[in-house]
Amino acid sequence: MAMDLDESSRIGARSGPEIELEVVPKGVSCQNRIKGFSFEDNRLMNGNWVQEPNKDVILLFFRILALCHTAIPELNEETGMYNYEAESPDEGAFLIAAREFGFEYCKRTQSSIFVRERHIPSQEPIER
């Protein structure tokens, strides 16, 4: 059964607002490259997501990103940052992304997981 392009685009079309991606020109690079994290969007970086109209949904997403995994955190004494022993590279990358957005997974016990949240870079983190 063949479909033309117009028909397939109508079938997959969603109602509601679309997400507009910010285009970063080639050759533009982050000053501080972080292994496993190569995302740039000024609407979300440096705590700017708290100014978005759907900040509650974004907050929940980042918390879930920092909590839903099986990784073990290991404090790097030299840098003061956590490295993660994860079952897959994807799981580790999700935790690095969560940390860069201000949700650093830092400790696990048998019954709890702890995340340090810093929504604005200048504020002190809150351990939850």
Protein backbone atom coordinates (compact mmCIF):
# COMPACT_ATOMS: atom_id res chain seq x y z
CA MET A 1 0.00 0.00 0.00
CA ALA A 2 1.63 3.24 -1.11
CA MET A 3 1.07 6.65 0.44
CA ASP A 4 2.07 9.97 -0.97
CA LEU A 5 4.08 12.38 1.16
CA ASP A 6 1.11 14.63 1.92
CA GLU A 7 -0.97 11.74 3.22
CA SER A 8 1.79 10.39 5.50
CA SER A 9 2.45 13.83 6.97
CA ARG A 10 -1.25 14.25 7.80
CA ILE A 11 -1.36 10.87 9.53
CA GLY A 12 1.66 11.65 11.70
CA ALA A 13 0.61 15.24 12.41
CA ARG A 14 -0.06 16.18 16.01
CA SER A 15 -2.38 18.79 17.29
CA GLY A 16 -1.01 21.30 19.76
CA PRO A 17 2.11 23.43 19.98
CA GLU A 18 5.28 22.25 18.28
CA ILE A 19 8.68 22.43 19.87
CA GLU A 20 11.00 24.77 18.07
CA LEU A 21 14.63 23.70 18.22
CA GLU A 22 17.35 26.30 18.55
CA VAL A 23 19.93 25.98 15.79
CA VAL A 24 23.56 26.26 16.82
CA PRO A 25 25.75 27.21 13.85
CA LYS A 26 28.53 24.80 12.94
CA GLY A 27 31.88 25.80 14.32
CA VAL A 28 30.34 27.25 17.51
CA SER A 29 31.52 25.29 20.50
CA CYS A 30 31.05 25.30 24.22
CA GLN A 31 33.85 26.80 26.25
CA ASN A 32 33.68 23.96 28.77
CA ARG A 33 33.15 20.69 26.92
CA ILE A 34 31.99 17.88 29.18
CA LYS A 35 32.51 14.28 28.16
CA GLY A 36 29.13 12.71 27.47
CA PHE A 37 27.30 16.05 27.22
CA SER A 38 27.14 18.06 24.01
CA PHE A 39 23.83 19.86 24.32
CA GLU A 40 23.38 23.61 24.02
CA ASP A 41 20.09 25.47 24.31
CA ASN A 42 20.10 28.80 26.13
CA ARG A 43 16.43 28.35 27.05
CA LEU A 44 17.43 25.49 29.35
CA MET A 45 21.08 26.06 30.27
CA ASN A 46 22.26 27.90 33.41
CA GLY A 47 18.90 27.59 35.11
CA ASN A 48 17.08 29.52 32.38
CA TRP A 49 14.44 26.77 32.27
CA VAL A 50 12.87 28.28 35.44
CA GLN A 51 11.67 31.16 33.25
CA GLU A 52 9.79 28.88 30.86
CA PRO A 53 5.96 28.78 31.09
CA ASN A 54 6.00 25.00 31.70
CA LYS A 55 8.77 25.05 34.34
CA ASP A 56 6.90 22.57 36.59
CA VAL A 57 6.96 19.95 33.84
CA ILE A 58 10.65 20.64 33.13
CA LEU A 59 11.45 20.36 36.86
CA LEU A 60 9.69 16.99 37.04
CA PHE A 61 11.50 15.77 33.90
CA PHE A 62 14.94 16.65 35.29
CA ARG A 63 14.13 15.03 38.65
CA ILE A 64 13.03 11.84 36.90
CA LEU A 65 16.19 11.93 34.77
CA ALA A 66 18.30 12.13 37.95
CA LEU A 67 16.35 9.43 39.84
CA CYS A 68 15.28 6.65 37.47
CA HIS A 69 18.40 4.51 36.97
CA THR A 70 20.56 1.83 38.55
CA ALA A 71 23.89 3.73 38.58
CA ILE A 72 26.26 4.09 41.53
CA PRO A 73 27.80 7.54 42.19
CA GLU A 74 31.54 7.80 42.89
CA LEU A 75 32.96 11.11 44.10
CA ASN A 76 36.04 12.23 42.18
CA GLU A 77 38.25 13.75 44.89
CA GLU A 78 40.23 15.84 42.37
CA THR A 79 37.27 17.55 40.70
CA GLY A 80 34.66 17.31 43.45
CA MET A 81 32.20 15.99 40.86
CA TYR A 82 30.57 12.59 40.71
CA ASN A 83 31.40 9.88 38.20
CA TYR A 84 28.75 7.26 37.63
CA GLU A 85 29.15 3.51 37.38
CA ALA A 86 26.25 2.79 35.06
CA GLU A 87 25.00 -0.34 33.32
CA SER A 88 25.02 1.40 29.94
CA PRO A 89 26.60 4.49 28.36
CA ASP A 90 23.09 5.92 27.87
CA GLU A 91 22.31 5.69 31.56
CA GLY A 92 25.56 7.51 32.39
CA ALA A 93 24.84 10.18 29.77
CA PHE A 94 21.38 10.82 31.25
CA LEU A 95 22.94 11.38 34.67
CA ILE A 96 25.57 13.74 33.25
CA ALA A 97 22.82 15.69 31.49
CA ALA A 98 20.73 15.87 34.67
CA ARG A 99 23.78 17.15 36.56
CA GLU A 100 24.47 19.83 33.95
CA PHE A 101 20.88 21.04 34.28
CA GLY A 102 21.28 21.32 38.06
CA PHE A 103 20.14 17.90 39.31
CA GLU A 104 23.19 16.01 40.58
CA TYR A 105 22.66 12.44 41.72
CA CYS A 106 24.99 12.06 44.70
CA LYS A 107 24.07 9.17 46.99
CA ARG A 108 22.07 5.95 47.21
CA THR A 109 21.05 3.87 50.22
CA GLN A 110 18.87 0.75 50.34
CA SER A 111 15.75 2.87 50.66
CA SER A 112 16.65 6.30 49.22
CA ILE A 113 18.28 8.19 46.39
CA PHE A 114 19.67 11.67 47.00
CA VAL A 115 19.89 14.45 44.44
CA ARG A 116 21.45 17.89 44.90
CA GLU A 117 19.30 20.43 43.10
CA ARG A 118 20.64 23.78 42.04
CA HIS A 119 18.09 25.54 39.85
CA ILE A 120 20.08 28.76 39.57
CA PRO A 121 23.89 28.42 39.23
CA SER A 122 24.61 31.07 41.89
CA GLN A 123 22.49 29.43 44.63
CA GLU A 124 23.63 26.72 47.03
CA PRO A 125 22.44 23.21 46.16
CA ILE A 126 19.56 21.66 48.11
CA GLU A 127 19.87 17.94 48.83
CA ARG A 128 16.59 16.12 48.37
